[in-house]
Amino acid sequence: MSPELARELEMGTPGPEHQQLAPLAGSWETAARVWPVPGADPEPSAGTATVQWTLGGRFLREEFRGTAMGQPFQGYSMLGYDRARRVFVYTWADSLSTSLTVSE
């Protein structure tokens, strides 16, 4: 096996950083407050989140369902650790936007 391939295999294997994310897995009830505009009263927002490991323990996948601003709201995220770049990575998409949020 070439050193390059060995490195790729090593970087593609979940590491200790992934285990740091383990407490986030589970089923959660959520409660938040949303301020639709500055100075307005906050509106309650409630929901549920189901967070599960996927892709062989490389990422946590979240499915969120609830309400926001009085409307049904749905969102999905992926959270993991990029071992090659040494950063936690996160994506988010939801039913109130056409954007994909990507964070490190």
Protein backbone atom coordinates (compact mmCIF):
# COMPACT_ATOMS: atom_id res chain seq x y z
CA MET A 1 0.00 0.00 0.00
CA SER A 2 1.34 3.41 -0.93
CA PRO A 3 1.91 6.03 1.80
CA GLU A 4 -0.68 8.26 0.12
CA LEU A 5 -3.36 5.55 0.23
CA ALA A 6 -2.48 4.71 3.84
CA ARG A 7 -2.91 8.39 4.75
CA GLU A 8 -6.29 8.58 2.96
CA LEU A 9 -7.51 5.50 4.83
CA GLU A 10 -6.32 6.94 8.14
CA MET A 11 -8.02 10.29 7.53
CA GLY A 12 -11.24 8.53 6.50
CA THR A 13 -11.51 6.58 9.75
CA PRO A 14 -13.44 8.14 12.65
CA GLY A 15 -11.14 9.31 15.42
CA PRO A 16 -11.34 10.52 19.02
CA GLU A 17 -12.85 13.82 17.89
CA HIS A 18 -15.88 11.93 16.63
CA GLN A 19 -16.36 10.39 20.08
CA GLN A 20 -16.46 13.90 21.55
CA LEU A 21 -19.68 14.36 19.55
CA ALA A 22 -21.30 11.17 20.94
CA PRO A 23 -23.29 12.92 23.73
CA LEU A 24 -25.23 14.83 21.05
CA ALA A 25 -26.82 11.64 19.68
CA GLY A 26 -30.36 10.93 20.81
CA SER A 27 -33.90 12.26 20.72
CA TRP A 28 -34.42 15.75 22.05
CA GLU A 29 -37.32 18.09 22.79
CA THR A 30 -36.43 21.68 22.00
CA ALA A 31 -37.65 25.07 23.18
CA ALA A 32 -36.46 28.44 21.93
CA ARG A 33 -37.55 32.04 21.54
CA VAL A 34 -37.41 33.85 18.21
CA TRP A 35 -37.37 37.62 17.82
CA PRO A 36 -38.90 38.26 14.36
CA VAL A 37 -37.72 41.89 14.34
CA PRO A 38 -35.62 43.95 16.77
CA GLY A 39 -37.69 45.23 19.67
CA ALA A 40 -40.57 42.80 19.11
CA ASP A 41 -41.72 40.37 21.75
CA PRO A 42 -40.15 36.94 21.40
CA GLU A 43 -42.25 34.15 19.91
CA PRO A 44 -41.95 30.64 21.38
CA SER A 45 -40.65 27.89 19.14
CA ALA A 46 -40.84 24.21 20.11
CA GLY A 47 -39.86 21.04 18.37
CA THR A 48 -38.09 17.70 18.39
CA ALA A 49 -34.69 16.71 17.13
CA THR A 50 -33.52 13.20 16.33
CA VAL A 51 -29.73 12.93 16.08
CA GLN A 52 -28.16 9.67 14.84
CA TRP A 53 -24.78 8.48 13.64
CA THR A 54 -24.53 7.87 9.91
CA LEU A 55 -21.90 6.84 7.37
CA GLY A 56 -20.12 4.48 9.71
CA GLY A 57 -19.82 6.89 12.63
CA ARG A 58 -18.35 9.71 10.55
CA PHE A 59 -21.23 12.16 10.90
CA LEU A 60 -24.17 12.92 13.15
CA ARG A 61 -27.34 13.49 11.12
CA GLU A 62 -30.09 15.59 12.71
CA GLU A 63 -33.71 15.77 11.68
CA PHE A 64 -35.57 18.65 13.30
CA ARG A 65 -39.33 19.22 13.26
CA GLY A 66 -41.18 22.00 15.00
CA THR A 67 -42.60 25.48 14.60
CA ALA A 68 -41.02 28.84 13.90
CA MET A 69 -42.92 32.12 13.68
CA GLY A 70 -46.17 30.19 13.96
CA GLN A 71 -45.38 28.00 10.93
CA PRO A 72 -44.37 24.34 10.62
CA PHE A 73 -40.61 24.13 10.42
CA GLN A 74 -38.29 21.32 9.35
CA GLY A 75 -34.50 21.20 9.20
CA TYR A 76 -31.62 18.81 8.60
CA SER A 77 -27.99 18.97 9.66
CA MET A 78 -24.78 16.98 9.40
CA LEU A 79 -22.00 17.38 11.97
CA GLY A 80 -18.61 15.72 11.92
CA TYR A 81 -14.87 16.17 12.12
CA ASP A 82 -12.61 16.50 9.11
CA ARG A 83 -9.46 14.73 10.25
CA ALA A 84 -7.40 15.89 7.29
CA ARG A 85 -8.10 19.60 7.92
CA ARG A 86 -8.49 19.23 11.71
CA VAL A 87 -11.80 21.10 11.94
CA PHE A 88 -15.34 20.26 12.98
CA VAL A 89 -17.69 20.65 10.01
CA TYR A 90 -21.44 21.36 9.97
CA THR A 91 -24.19 21.82 7.40
CA TRP A 92 -27.79 23.00 7.91
CA ALA A 93 -30.79 23.29 5.58
CA ASP A 94 -34.39 24.07 6.54
CA SER A 95 -37.87 24.72 5.23
CA LEU A 96 -37.73 28.50 5.72
CA SER A 97 -34.82 29.08 3.37
CA THR A 98 -33.29 28.02 0.11
CA SER A 99 -29.80 28.36 1.59
CA LEU A 100 -27.40 25.70 2.77
CA THR A 101 -25.38 26.83 5.78
CA VAL A 102 -21.86 25.42 5.92
CA SER A 103 -19.73 26.04 9.00
CA GLU A 104 -16.39 25.02 10.42
